[in-house]
Protein backbone atom coordinates (compact mmCIF):
# COMPACT_ATOMS: atom_id res chain seq x y z
CA MET A 1 -5.96 19.56 -17.48
CA LYS A 2 -7.32 17.04 -16.14
CA GLU A 3 -10.51 18.64 -16.30
CA LYS A 4 -9.93 17.79 -19.86
CA ILE A 5 -8.46 14.84 -20.09
CA ILE A 6 -11.31 13.06 -18.08
CA LYS A 7 -13.41 14.92 -20.76
CA LYS A 8 -11.63 13.42 -24.12
CA VAL A 9 -11.29 9.65 -22.23
CA SER A 10 -15.32 9.84 -21.34
CA ASN A 11 -15.76 10.64 -24.58
CA ASP A 12 -14.08 8.30 -26.29
CA ASN A 13 -13.51 5.09 -23.80
CA GLY A 14 -16.49 5.77 -21.54
CA THR A 15 -16.98 5.59 -17.87
CA PRO A 16 -15.82 4.25 -15.35
CA PHE A 17 -12.47 4.11 -15.32
CA TYR A 18 -9.16 5.29 -13.00
CA LEU A 19 -6.90 7.94 -13.80
CA PHE A 20 -3.44 7.64 -12.91
CA ASP A 21 -1.30 10.70 -12.39
CA GLU A 22 2.17 9.59 -12.53
CA ASP A 23 4.06 12.88 -12.15
CA GLU A 24 2.38 13.69 -8.96
CA PHE A 25 3.01 9.95 -7.79
CA VAL A 26 7.67 10.74 -8.36
CA LYS A 27 7.22 14.22 -7.23
CA ASN A 28 5.50 12.37 -4.14
CA TYR A 29 7.96 9.65 -3.36
CA LYS A 30 11.08 11.58 -3.88
CA HIS A 31 9.56 13.66 -1.40
CA LEU A 32 8.96 11.08 1.09
CA GLU A 33 12.61 9.89 0.24
CA TYR A 34 14.31 13.14 0.67
CA SER A 35 12.77 13.32 4.11
CA PHE A 36 14.27 10.83 5.59
CA ARG A 37 18.00 10.86 3.52
CA SER A 38 18.13 14.54 4.72
CA ILE A 39 18.47 12.60 8.42
CA TYR A 40 19.84 9.31 7.63
CA PRO A 41 21.36 8.78 4.09
CA ASN A 42 21.00 5.33 4.09
CA TYR A 43 17.13 4.84 3.94
CA HIS A 44 15.63 3.10 1.32
CA ILE A 45 11.39 2.29 0.16
CA ALA A 46 10.64 -0.50 -0.38
CA TYR A 47 6.49 -0.24 -2.16
CA SER A 48 4.04 -2.26 -0.73
CA TYR A 49 2.47 -4.75 -3.68
CA LYS A 50 -0.31 -5.90 -1.57
CA THR A 51 -1.68 -2.02 -2.03
CA ASN A 52 -1.56 -1.67 -5.43
CA TYR A 53 0.78 -3.93 -7.61
CA MET A 54 -0.15 -2.47 -11.38
CA PRO A 55 3.05 -3.47 -12.56
CA TYR A 56 3.53 0.04 -14.43
CA VAL A 57 3.52 1.48 -10.64
CA CYS A 58 5.72 -1.10 -9.68
CA LYS A 59 7.87 -0.54 -12.43
CA LYS A 60 8.01 2.80 -12.23
CA VAL A 61 9.29 2.22 -8.14
CA PHE A 62 11.74 -0.11 -10.01
CA GLU A 63 13.20 2.36 -11.89
CA LEU A 64 13.23 5.15 -9.09
CA GLY A 65 15.78 2.65 -6.96
CA GLY A 66 12.86 1.50 -4.56
CA TYR A 67 12.47 -2.27 -2.96
CA ALA A 68 9.67 -4.44 -3.62
CA GLU A 69 7.94 -5.18 -0.70
CA VAL A 70 5.72 -8.77 -1.30
CA VAL A 71 3.55 -11.32 0.47
CA SER A 72 3.20 -13.81 -1.67
CA ALA A 73 5.00 -15.88 -4.72
CA MET A 74 2.52 -14.14 -7.06
CA GLU A 75 3.61 -10.71 -5.65
CA TYR A 76 7.56 -12.40 -5.69
CA HIS A 77 6.86 -13.30 -9.47
CA LEU A 78 5.61 -9.66 -10.37
CA ALA A 79 8.70 -8.07 -8.20
CA LYS A 80 11.12 -10.70 -10.77
CA LYS A 81 9.22 -10.35 -14.09
CA ILE A 82 9.96 -6.39 -13.45
CA GLY A 83 13.68 -7.06 -13.15
CA TYR A 84 14.73 -7.51 -9.17
CA SER A 85 17.08 -9.80 -7.94
CA ASN A 86 16.28 -11.08 -4.91
CA GLU A 87 18.39 -8.75 -2.96
CA LYS A 88 16.16 -5.91 -3.47
CA ILE A 89 12.72 -8.37 -2.78
CA ILE A 90 11.86 -8.14 0.87
CA LEU A 91 9.52 -11.05 1.77
CA ASN A 92 7.06 -10.51 4.48
CA GLY A 93 3.55 -11.92 5.45
CA PRO A 94 1.97 -15.04 7.56
CA ASP A 95 1.99 -17.70 4.89
CA LYS A 96 5.14 -17.27 2.43
CA GLY A 97 3.93 -20.48 0.90
CA GLU A 98 6.16 -22.65 -1.77
CA ILE A 99 8.44 -19.63 -2.80
CA LEU A 100 9.99 -18.91 0.73
CA GLU A 101 12.30 -21.29 0.22
CA GLU A 102 13.50 -20.28 -3.22
CA HIS A 103 13.81 -16.78 -2.33
CA ILE A 104 15.83 -17.77 1.15
CA LEU A 105 18.62 -19.54 -1.14
CA HIS A 106 18.45 -17.18 -3.47
CA GLY A 107 19.76 -14.33 -1.06
CA GLY A 108 16.39 -12.43 -0.10
CA ILE A 109 14.90 -10.80 2.40
CA ILE A 110 12.79 -12.77 4.86
CA ASN A 111 11.46 -11.67 8.06
CA VAL A 112 10.25 -14.97 9.78
CA ASP A 113 6.63 -14.27 11.69
CA SER A 114 6.51 -16.84 13.75
CA ILE A 115 8.11 -19.45 16.04
CA TYR A 116 6.59 -22.55 13.23
CA GLU A 117 8.01 -20.55 10.36
CA ALA A 118 11.69 -20.77 12.06
CA GLU A 119 11.01 -24.34 12.51
CA GLN A 120 10.85 -24.72 8.39
CA ILE A 121 13.46 -22.15 8.13
CA CYS A 122 15.82 -24.29 10.39
CA LYS A 123 14.96 -27.35 8.10
CA ILE A 124 16.13 -25.74 5.06
CA ALA A 125 19.31 -24.85 6.16
CA ASN A 126 19.70 -28.09 7.54
CA ASN A 127 19.36 -29.58 4.38
CA ASN A 128 21.62 -26.69 2.58
CA ARG A 129 24.44 -26.26 4.78
CA ASP A 130 26.41 -25.19 2.58
CA ASN A 131 24.59 -22.22 2.16
CA ILE A 132 24.48 -18.68 4.42
CA LEU A 133 20.91 -17.84 4.86
CA LYS A 134 20.32 -14.54 6.40
CA ILE A 135 17.19 -13.79 8.15
CA GLY A 136 15.16 -11.31 9.37
CA ILE A 137 12.91 -11.15 12.39
CA ARG A 138 9.23 -9.08 12.79
CA VAL A 139 9.07 -7.93 15.79
CA ASN A 140 5.50 -7.73 17.96
CA ALA A 141 6.33 -4.80 20.32
CA ASP A 142 3.31 -2.73 22.25
CA VAL A 143 3.25 0.70 20.27
CA GLY A 144 0.51 1.98 22.58
CA ALA A 145 -2.00 0.92 19.32
CA GLY A 146 -4.69 -0.05 21.51
CA PHE A 147 -5.11 -3.63 20.50
CA VAL A 148 -3.18 -6.66 20.01
CA SER A 149 -1.31 -6.97 16.21
CA ARG A 150 -1.68 -11.00 14.91
CA PHE A 151 2.05 -10.28 13.37
CA GLY A 152 5.74 -11.37 14.43
CA ILE A 153 6.77 -12.77 17.56
CA CYS A 154 6.09 -11.02 20.69
CA VAL A 155 9.06 -9.48 22.91
CA GLU A 156 6.97 -9.40 26.23
CA ASP A 157 5.60 -13.04 26.38
CA GLY A 158 9.77 -13.94 25.63
CA SER A 159 8.76 -15.57 22.19
CA ILE A 160 11.58 -13.34 20.31
CA SER A 161 14.21 -15.45 22.83
CA GLN A 162 13.05 -18.40 21.94
CA VAL A 163 13.22 -17.81 17.75
CA PHE A 164 17.06 -16.72 18.17
CA ASP A 165 17.73 -19.58 20.08
CA LEU A 166 16.54 -21.74 17.58
CA LEU A 167 17.36 -19.85 14.49
CA LYS A 168 21.34 -20.23 16.51
CA THR A 169 21.37 -24.21 16.42
CA GLN A 170 21.64 -23.61 12.79
CA LYS A 171 25.35 -22.27 11.66
CA ASN A 172 24.51 -21.52 8.64
CA ILE A 173 21.92 -19.24 9.83
CA LYS A 174 22.51 -15.43 10.18
CA VAL A 175 19.99 -13.33 11.71
CA VAL A 176 21.14 -9.78 10.03
CA GLY A 177 17.33 -7.66 10.02
CA LEU A 178 14.65 -6.70 12.46
CA HIS A 179 10.52 -5.83 10.91
CA CYS A 180 8.33 -4.35 12.34
CA HIS A 181 4.38 -3.24 11.04
CA ILE A 182 1.55 -2.62 12.84
CA SER A 183 -1.78 -1.58 11.23
CA ARG A 184 -3.99 1.49 12.45
CA ALA A 185 -0.74 2.93 14.87
CA ARG A 186 0.03 6.24 12.31
CA GLY A 187 0.68 8.81 14.98
CA LEU A 188 4.33 10.06 15.44
CA GLU A 189 4.36 8.27 19.48
CA ALA A 190 3.47 4.79 17.74
CA TRP A 191 6.12 5.25 14.87
CA LYS A 192 9.13 6.51 17.84
CA ARG A 193 8.05 3.54 19.96
CA ARG A 194 8.27 1.14 16.70
CA ILE A 195 11.93 2.40 15.94
CA VAL A 196 12.66 2.56 19.61
CA ASN A 197 11.13 -1.25 20.19
CA LEU A 198 12.99 -2.03 17.39
CA ILE A 199 16.94 -0.87 18.46
CA GLY A 200 16.29 -2.32 21.91
CA VAL A 201 15.59 -5.29 20.31
CA ALA A 202 19.10 -5.01 18.22
CA ASP A 203 20.94 -4.09 21.11
CA LYS A 204 19.82 -7.11 23.06
CA PHE A 205 20.72 -9.87 20.54
CA PHE A 206 23.17 -9.11 18.27
CA ASP A 207 26.79 -8.61 18.64
CA GLY A 208 27.02 -5.93 16.01
CA ASN A 209 24.93 -3.65 14.33
CA PRO A 210 21.98 -5.33 12.03
CA GLU A 211 22.40 -5.22 8.63
CA TYR A 212 18.92 -3.49 8.15
CA ILE A 213 16.25 -2.31 10.79
CA ASP A 214 12.31 -2.01 8.36
CA VAL A 215 9.52 -0.06 10.34
CA GLY A 216 7.54 -1.25 8.46
CA SER A 217 4.25 1.05 6.65
CA GLY A 218 1.81 2.84 8.18
CA MET A 219 2.06 6.98 7.68
CA TYR A 220 -0.18 9.16 6.80
CA ALA A 221 -0.03 10.11 2.92
CA ASP A 222 0.48 14.10 1.58
CA MET A 223 -2.91 14.27 2.04
CA ASN A 224 -5.79 16.40 -0.52
CA PRO A 225 -6.81 19.44 2.42
CA THR A 226 -10.20 17.85 2.24
CA LEU A 227 -9.34 14.27 3.59
CA LYS A 228 -6.42 15.46 5.90
CA ALA A 229 -9.12 17.85 7.59
CA GLN A 230 -11.31 14.52 8.52
CA PHE A 231 -8.62 13.39 10.88
CA ASP A 232 -7.39 14.67 14.49
CA ASN A 233 -3.31 15.07 13.63
CA VAL A 234 -1.57 14.21 10.09
CA PRO A 235 1.82 14.68 10.26
CA THR A 236 4.69 15.63 7.89
CA TYR A 237 6.78 13.10 6.47
CA LEU A 238 9.19 15.41 7.61
CA GLU A 239 7.66 15.07 11.29
CA TYR A 240 8.13 11.09 10.48
CA ALA A 241 11.31 11.57 9.71
CA GLU A 242 12.34 13.11 12.61
CA ALA A 243 10.80 10.60 14.80
CA VAL A 244 12.44 7.37 13.00
CA ALA A 245 15.44 8.75 11.33
CA GLY A 246 16.58 11.01 13.92
CA ILE A 247 16.66 8.10 16.36
CA MET A 248 18.02 5.72 14.11
CA TYR A 249 20.73 8.64 13.73
CA LYS A 250 21.58 9.12 17.41
CA ARG A 251 21.83 5.63 17.62
CA TYR A 252 23.97 4.66 14.53
CA GLY A 253 24.82 7.52 12.92
CA ASP A 254 28.81 7.37 14.09
CA SER A 255 28.70 4.01 13.03
CA GLU A 256 31.18 2.74 10.05
CA SER A 257 28.33 0.20 9.18
CA MET A 258 24.82 1.88 9.46
CA PRO A 259 22.59 -0.60 8.90
CA ILE A 260 19.41 0.09 6.13
CA LEU A 261 16.52 1.67 7.40
CA PHE A 262 13.52 0.78 5.34
CA SER A 263 10.35 1.72 5.30
CA GLU A 264 7.43 0.64 3.73
CA PRO A 265 4.83 2.77 1.70
CA GLY A 266 1.64 1.96 -0.17
CA THR A 267 -1.37 4.11 0.38
CA THR A 268 1.19 6.77 1.52
CA VAL A 269 2.95 6.50 -1.52
CA ILE A 270 -0.02 5.93 -4.06
CA SER A 271 -3.11 6.84 -3.06
CA ARG A 272 -3.76 10.46 -3.69
CA TYR A 273 -2.04 9.98 -7.63
CA MET A 274 -5.07 7.56 -8.75
CA SER A 275 -9.16 8.86 -9.32
CA LEU A 276 -11.65 6.91 -10.03
CA ILE A 277 -14.09 8.83 -12.67
CA THR A 278 -17.60 8.08 -13.03
CA SER A 279 -20.96 8.92 -14.51
CA VAL A 280 -24.02 9.00 -13.13
CA VAL A 281 -26.44 6.76 -14.56
CA GLN A 282 -30.37 7.66 -12.78
CA THR A 283 -31.33 9.87 -10.10
CA LYS A 284 -34.03 9.20 -8.06
CA HIS A 285 -36.47 10.32 -4.90
CA ILE A 286 -37.15 8.19 -2.00
CA ASN A 287 -39.47 9.90 1.19
CA GLU A 288 -36.96 12.63 1.92
CA LYS A 289 -33.79 10.89 0.24
CA THR A 290 -32.29 11.67 -3.16
CA PHE A 291 -29.98 9.01 -4.73
CA ALA A 292 -27.40 9.14 -7.97
CA THR A 293 -26.46 6.06 -9.21
CA VAL A 294 -23.06 5.51 -10.71
CA ASP A 295 -21.93 3.21 -12.86
CA ALA A 296 -19.08 1.89 -10.67
CA SER A 297 -19.22 0.54 -7.17
CA PHE A 298 -17.95 1.33 -3.55
CA ASP A 299 -15.42 -1.43 -3.97
CA ASN A 300 -14.08 0.45 -7.07
CA VAL A 301 -13.28 3.07 -4.55
CA GLY A 302 -11.80 1.03 -1.33
CA ALA A 303 -12.40 0.80 2.41
CA ILE A 304 -11.89 4.40 2.46
CA CYS A 305 -15.01 5.37 1.86
CA ARG A 306 -16.68 3.59 4.37
CA MET A 307 -14.59 5.78 6.72
CA LYS A 308 -14.10 9.40 5.41
CA LYS A 309 -15.42 11.28 2.85
CA LEU A 310 -13.65 11.38 -0.07
CA PRO A 311 -11.81 14.34 -2.03
CA TYR A 312 -13.89 14.74 -5.11
CA ASN A 313 -14.80 16.82 -8.22
CA VAL A 314 -18.51 17.06 -10.47
CA ILE A 315 -18.40 18.09 -14.07
CA SER A 316 -22.32 18.44 -15.50
CA MET A 317 -21.73 17.56 -18.52
CA ASN A 318 -25.80 17.19 -18.94
CA PHE A 319 -27.45 20.83 -19.31
CA ASP A 320 -30.87 19.52 -19.03
CA ARG A 321 -31.12 19.55 -15.17
CA THR A 322 -34.96 17.96 -15.15
CA TYR A 323 -33.93 15.07 -13.18
CA ALA A 324 -30.92 16.84 -11.19
CA VAL A 325 -30.96 16.22 -7.59
CA GLU A 326 -29.61 17.94 -4.10
CA LYS A 327 -27.33 16.24 -1.69
CA PRO A 328 -27.75 12.73 -3.21
CA ASP A 329 -26.38 9.82 -1.53
CA ILE A 330 -23.88 8.51 -4.36
CA VAL A 331 -24.41 4.65 -4.91
CA GLY A 332 -23.39 2.38 -7.21
CA TYR A 333 -24.38 -0.27 -10.03
CA THR A 334 -24.29 -3.21 -7.88
CA CYS A 335 -27.53 -5.12 -5.88
CA LEU A 336 -26.26 -4.43 -2.37
CA GLU A 337 -28.03 -1.83 -0.33
CA GLN A 338 -24.35 -0.89 1.50
CA ASP A 339 -22.79 0.27 -1.75
CA CYS A 340 -22.86 3.68 -1.49
CA LEU A 341 -19.42 6.32 -2.61
CA TYR A 342 -20.56 8.97 -0.67
CA ARG A 343 -23.27 10.19 1.62
CA GLU A 344 -25.26 13.24 1.24
CA LEU A 345 -22.49 14.80 -1.73
CA PRO A 346 -23.14 18.70 -1.61
CA GLU A 347 -23.89 19.12 -5.15
CA SER A 348 -26.52 19.57 -7.61
CA ILE A 349 -26.32 15.65 -9.68
CA ALA A 350 -27.69 15.29 -12.63
CA PRO A 351 -28.05 12.00 -15.35
CA GLU A 352 -24.59 12.30 -17.67
CA ASP A 353 -22.56 14.09 -15.20
CA ILE A 354 -19.06 12.95 -14.36
CA ILE A 355 -18.09 12.69 -11.09
CA GLU A 356 -14.21 12.10 -9.72
CA PHE A 357 -13.15 10.32 -6.89
CA GLU A 358 -9.80 11.45 -5.23
CA ASN A 359 -7.30 9.49 -3.31
CA VAL A 360 -8.66 6.01 -4.51
CA GLY A 361 -5.02 4.24 -5.47
CA GLY A 362 -4.26 2.07 -2.02
CA TYR A 363 -6.39 -1.38 -1.82
CA SER A 364 -9.07 -0.42 -4.64
CA ILE A 365 -7.70 -2.24 -7.94
CA VAL A 366 -6.60 -5.36 -5.99
CA ASN A 367 -9.52 -5.78 -3.94
CA LYS A 368 -11.86 -5.23 -6.97
CA ALA A 369 -13.43 -8.42 -7.30
CA PRO A 370 -15.58 -9.34 -10.70
CA PHE A 371 -18.82 -9.23 -8.96
CA ILE A 372 -21.61 -8.24 -11.57
CA ARG A 373 -18.89 -6.29 -13.97
CA PRO A 374 -15.35 -6.92 -15.22
CA ASN A 375 -13.24 -4.08 -13.56
CA CYS A 376 -12.67 -0.79 -15.54
CA PRO A 377 -9.50 0.47 -17.32
CA VAL A 378 -6.63 2.17 -16.16
CA TYR A 379 -5.39 5.46 -17.34
CA CYS A 380 -2.20 7.17 -17.37
CA PHE A 381 -1.37 11.02 -17.76
CA SER A 382 1.92 13.03 -17.44
CA SER A 383 2.42 16.66 -17.22
CA ASP A 384 3.08 16.75 -21.40
CA GLY A 385 -0.46 15.74 -21.50
CA LYS A 386 0.03 12.17 -22.73
CA VAL A 387 -2.63 9.36 -22.06
CA GLU A 388 -2.04 5.97 -22.33
CA VAL A 389 -3.46 3.08 -21.46
CA ILE A 390 -1.53 0.55 -18.49
CA LYS A 391 -4.55 -1.50 -17.70
CA ARG A 392 -7.41 -2.19 -20.18
CA LYS A 393 -10.98 -3.34 -19.08
CA GLU A 394 -11.91 -6.19 -18.02
CA THR A 395 -14.12 -8.41 -20.52
CA PHE A 396 -16.29 -11.49 -19.97
CA ASP A 397 -13.49 -13.89 -21.19
CA ASP A 398 -11.07 -12.61 -18.35
CA VAL A 399 -13.45 -13.18 -15.66
CA PHE A 400 -14.62 -16.85 -16.85
CA SER A 401 -11.18 -18.24 -17.95
CA THR A 402 -10.58 -20.20 -15.50
CA TYR A 403 -14.10 -21.73 -14.97
CA GLN A 404 -15.16 -24.83 -16.91
CA PHE A 405 -18.33 -24.99 -18.97
């Protein structure tokens, strides 16, 4: 069915475009949620808006009961427009901007990233003494990632003690939660250390149980087998759950007030369920190399294409194979030498052929600048064959509306 949809949309509206598989997205979301709740019932997903903030996807998460994890005023206002109350929005990031005060005063969840930010919150508390401000702290502790993360407040050098002491100077501030997110540390051992570190901080600084412990994001997703084979070890959702939720349950399972266990997946839940559909514009030979130029660019698929070979499907649309090439580099429309979507695709490719690149849902649409061309549309399809536009094609006017002529 999917190939039929690709051909129809391509014939009717041209390429490139993104294609979102709504049913499989929901299935994957529920799979992750069930894996954790089967071990620790008080688990909730907080979807990472920065990964892919398409309103259609964010609204679907809202309907599924998930929280919103945002890192800017733009994302915050999107969550509010979709219908979220502040209590179900987690505000993270190193520059929360002007929205920080509004979110705190309306009961939102925030995680303090620095001593300086803690001082700002103390000032807000001092100016709003009738309000009880609930605050979380982003913890920076070694998880064996092999690098020093720039985010959060350090445990090892004592900074976290300073922050707790500082926040205690304001009687209307209540520290209720802990957060940790360390990028590029996806293995089970790193995740075990993450939750052990957080529980250790909770046991040291909290009189009772925290209201929540947030382990951030960075899990491997349920991948296409061809992509999974390019990684050394990809844990299942249940293995992550056993490592993280299992430790949480051991510590808090007998408690009358079990803290919420949050995770903040982005690529984990969205990447596999969005594809880029692009057409071959021309092919060429240069010395011993072959190239096939497509009407999309590497920015359309995101940074993953520079690190791994994406799963793909080729749909032959041209029976004239005069200009077909073998094992071409699939290169984009931009004038950048590094604009390569796939090196040495093991297929015969000719002009007018269509290529579907899978696993492009994370950090692609939101990172695609209007460089040379505006961005392409997004279509959503479901198992009943229904197809709808969930983001229209951008236009000249969209790109230049903020400029003065």
